[in-house]
Amino acid sequence: MYNKAMPKRDSCSIGKPFSANDMYAPIGRGMLRKTKRYNNWIKQNVEIIKNEMDKVDFFPTSINVVIIGGRGLNSMTRNDVDNFKKPICDLLVKAGIVPDDEKKYIDSVSIKYLPPVSSRGEPLTRISYDEPEQVEWIDV
């Protein structure tokens, strides 16, 4: 649990998001494995998340993602933006921010895509969470 004197670090930014379309590759009849690119993306970003975000204390939480397009991302967004949800949830689990991505821990994931200001910039992914309000009961 975080120190109440310090504000909760409930957001951070990473670079380019990863699409669920590229998470798995077939290895045999009906069998899939995680791709090397996906494993590298997780490895590259898990330390950023661990260092910049505090763990969620109260569940279920809502995950909010804002993706700002940039070089190399526009071709990815021709498909559904919801393809970014699963990799981001997996990243938060791997970093230990949430214990699992099942509904008792995460009740919603919202994704918003914003077009880039310039085609030269790098994509940016802003991830944040909202914990449910905790009510303290007072016996009268």
Protein backbone atom coordinates (compact mmCIF):
# COMPACT_ATOMS: atom_id res chain seq x y z
CA MET A 1 0.00 0.00 0.00
CA TYR A 2 1.27 3.48 -0.79
CA ASN A 3 2.16 6.20 1.71
CA LYS A 4 -0.91 8.43 2.19
CA ALA A 5 1.32 11.52 2.46
CA MET A 6 2.39 10.99 -1.15
CA PRO A 7 -0.11 11.06 -4.01
CA LYS A 8 -0.88 7.70 -5.59
CA ARG A 9 0.99 7.11 -8.83
CA ASP A 10 -1.92 5.80 -10.87
CA SER A 11 -0.70 6.56 -14.38
CA CYS A 12 2.32 6.36 -16.65
CA SER A 13 3.33 6.58 -20.29
CA ILE A 14 4.97 4.08 -22.58
CA GLY A 15 5.72 4.25 -26.29
CA LYS A 16 3.99 2.35 -29.05
CA PRO A 17 1.16 0.01 -27.97
CA PHE A 18 1.00 -3.60 -29.13
CA SER A 19 -1.89 -5.10 -31.10
CA ALA A 20 -3.56 -8.34 -30.03
CA ASN A 21 -3.49 -9.30 -33.72
CA ASP A 22 0.28 -9.83 -33.39
CA MET A 23 0.38 -11.53 -29.97
CA TYR A 24 0.31 -15.15 -31.12
CA ALA A 25 1.75 -17.22 -33.95
CA PRO A 26 0.65 -20.71 -35.00
CA ILE A 27 3.09 -23.52 -34.20
CA GLY A 28 0.98 -26.47 -35.19
CA ARG A 29 -2.52 -27.64 -35.80
CA GLY A 30 -4.65 -25.52 -33.46
CA MET A 31 -1.64 -24.54 -31.31
CA LEU A 32 -0.39 -20.99 -30.73
CA ARG A 33 2.58 -19.42 -28.97
CA LYS A 34 3.34 -15.86 -27.95
CA THR A 35 5.45 -14.11 -30.56
CA LYS A 36 8.98 -12.97 -29.90
CA ARG A 37 7.93 -9.37 -30.73
CA TYR A 38 5.19 -9.55 -28.09
CA ASN A 39 7.53 -10.98 -25.44
CA ASN A 40 10.08 -8.25 -26.24
CA TRP A 41 7.39 -5.54 -25.97
CA ILE A 42 6.36 -6.87 -22.55
CA LYS A 43 9.99 -7.05 -21.37
CA GLN A 44 10.72 -3.53 -22.66
CA ASN A 45 7.71 -1.96 -20.92
CA VAL A 46 7.26 -3.94 -17.69
CA GLU A 47 10.07 -2.08 -15.89
CA ILE A 48 8.65 1.30 -16.95
CA ILE A 49 5.26 0.35 -15.50
CA LYS A 50 6.79 -1.07 -12.29
CA ASN A 51 8.86 2.08 -11.72
CA GLU A 52 6.18 4.65 -12.53
CA MET A 53 2.93 3.16 -11.20
CA ASP A 54 1.78 2.00 -7.77
CA LYS A 55 -0.11 -1.24 -7.38
CA VAL A 56 -3.88 -1.08 -7.33
CA ASP A 57 -5.16 -1.48 -3.75
CA PHE A 58 -8.94 -1.57 -4.21
CA PHE A 59 -10.85 -3.62 -6.76
CA PRO A 60 -12.38 -3.76 -9.25
CA THR A 61 -10.46 -1.03 -11.00
CA SER A 62 -11.11 0.73 -14.30
CA ILE A 63 -8.24 0.96 -16.78
CA ASN A 64 -8.04 4.01 -19.04
CA VAL A 65 -5.77 4.15 -22.08
CA VAL A 66 -5.12 7.07 -24.40
CA ILE A 67 -3.07 6.37 -27.49
CA ILE A 68 -1.63 9.24 -29.49
CA GLY A 69 -0.67 8.13 -32.96
CA GLY A 70 2.74 8.63 -34.47
CA ARG A 71 5.29 7.14 -36.81
CA GLY A 72 4.58 3.47 -37.45
CA LEU A 73 1.25 3.44 -35.61
CA ASN A 74 -1.15 4.73 -38.22
CA SER A 75 -1.03 1.47 -40.20
CA MET A 76 -1.92 -0.43 -36.99
CA THR A 77 -5.00 1.67 -36.32
CA ARG A 78 -6.69 0.79 -39.57
CA ASN A 79 -8.09 -2.05 -37.51
CA ASP A 80 -10.01 -1.94 -34.25
CA VAL A 81 -8.51 0.09 -31.41
CA ASP A 82 -9.82 -2.49 -28.95
CA ASN A 83 -7.01 -4.78 -30.13
CA PHE A 84 -4.74 -2.81 -27.79
CA LYS A 85 -6.72 -3.80 -24.66
CA LYS A 86 -5.43 -7.34 -24.08
CA PRO A 87 -1.70 -6.56 -24.42
CA ILE A 88 -2.02 -3.59 -22.04
CA CYS A 89 -3.91 -5.66 -19.46
CA ASP A 90 -1.27 -8.40 -19.75
CA LEU A 91 1.43 -5.77 -19.23
CA LEU A 92 -0.25 -4.48 -16.05
CA VAL A 93 -0.50 -8.04 -14.70
CA LYS A 94 3.12 -8.86 -15.57
CA ALA A 95 4.26 -5.64 -13.83
CA GLY A 96 2.25 -6.57 -10.71
CA ILE A 97 -0.05 -3.53 -10.87
CA VAL A 98 -3.09 -5.84 -10.83
CA PRO A 99 -3.06 -9.51 -9.76
CA ASP A 100 -4.95 -10.74 -12.83
CA ASP A 101 -7.07 -9.37 -15.67
CA GLU A 102 -10.23 -11.18 -14.64
CA LYS A 103 -13.41 -9.22 -13.91
CA LYS A 104 -13.03 -9.24 -10.12
CA TYR A 105 -9.87 -7.10 -10.54
CA ILE A 106 -10.61 -5.09 -13.71
CA ASP A 107 -14.20 -4.10 -14.43
CA SER A 108 -13.56 -2.02 -17.55
CA VAL A 109 -10.89 -0.98 -20.01
CA SER A 110 -11.43 2.12 -22.10
CA ILE A 111 -9.27 2.98 -25.09
CA LYS A 112 -9.19 6.34 -26.80
CA TYR A 113 -7.18 6.95 -29.96
CA LEU A 114 -6.03 10.45 -30.86
CA PRO A 115 -4.48 11.14 -34.26
CA PRO A 116 -0.90 12.41 -34.25
CA VAL A 117 -0.12 16.09 -34.41
CA SER A 118 2.75 15.26 -36.75
CA SER A 119 3.69 12.13 -38.70
CA ARG A 120 7.25 12.48 -37.41
CA GLY A 121 6.60 11.97 -33.72
CA GLU A 122 6.70 8.73 -31.80
CA PRO A 123 3.46 7.10 -30.63
CA LEU A 124 2.58 7.57 -26.97
CA THR A 125 0.43 5.35 -24.79
CA ARG A 126 -0.87 6.82 -21.53
CA ILE A 127 -2.18 4.20 -19.08
CA SER A 128 -4.06 5.05 -15.89
CA TYR A 129 -6.46 3.41 -13.48
CA ASP A 130 -9.32 4.51 -11.25
CA GLU A 131 -9.87 2.65 -8.01
CA PRO A 132 -13.36 2.43 -6.53
CA GLU A 133 -14.09 4.85 -3.72
CA GLN A 134 -13.67 3.34 -0.28
CA VAL A 135 -16.31 4.23 2.26
CA GLU A 136 -15.48 4.18 5.93
CA TRP A 137 -18.41 3.09 8.04
CA ILE A 138 -18.90 4.67 11.42
CA ASP A 139 -20.88 2.88 14.09
CA VAL A 140 -23.40 5.20 15.71
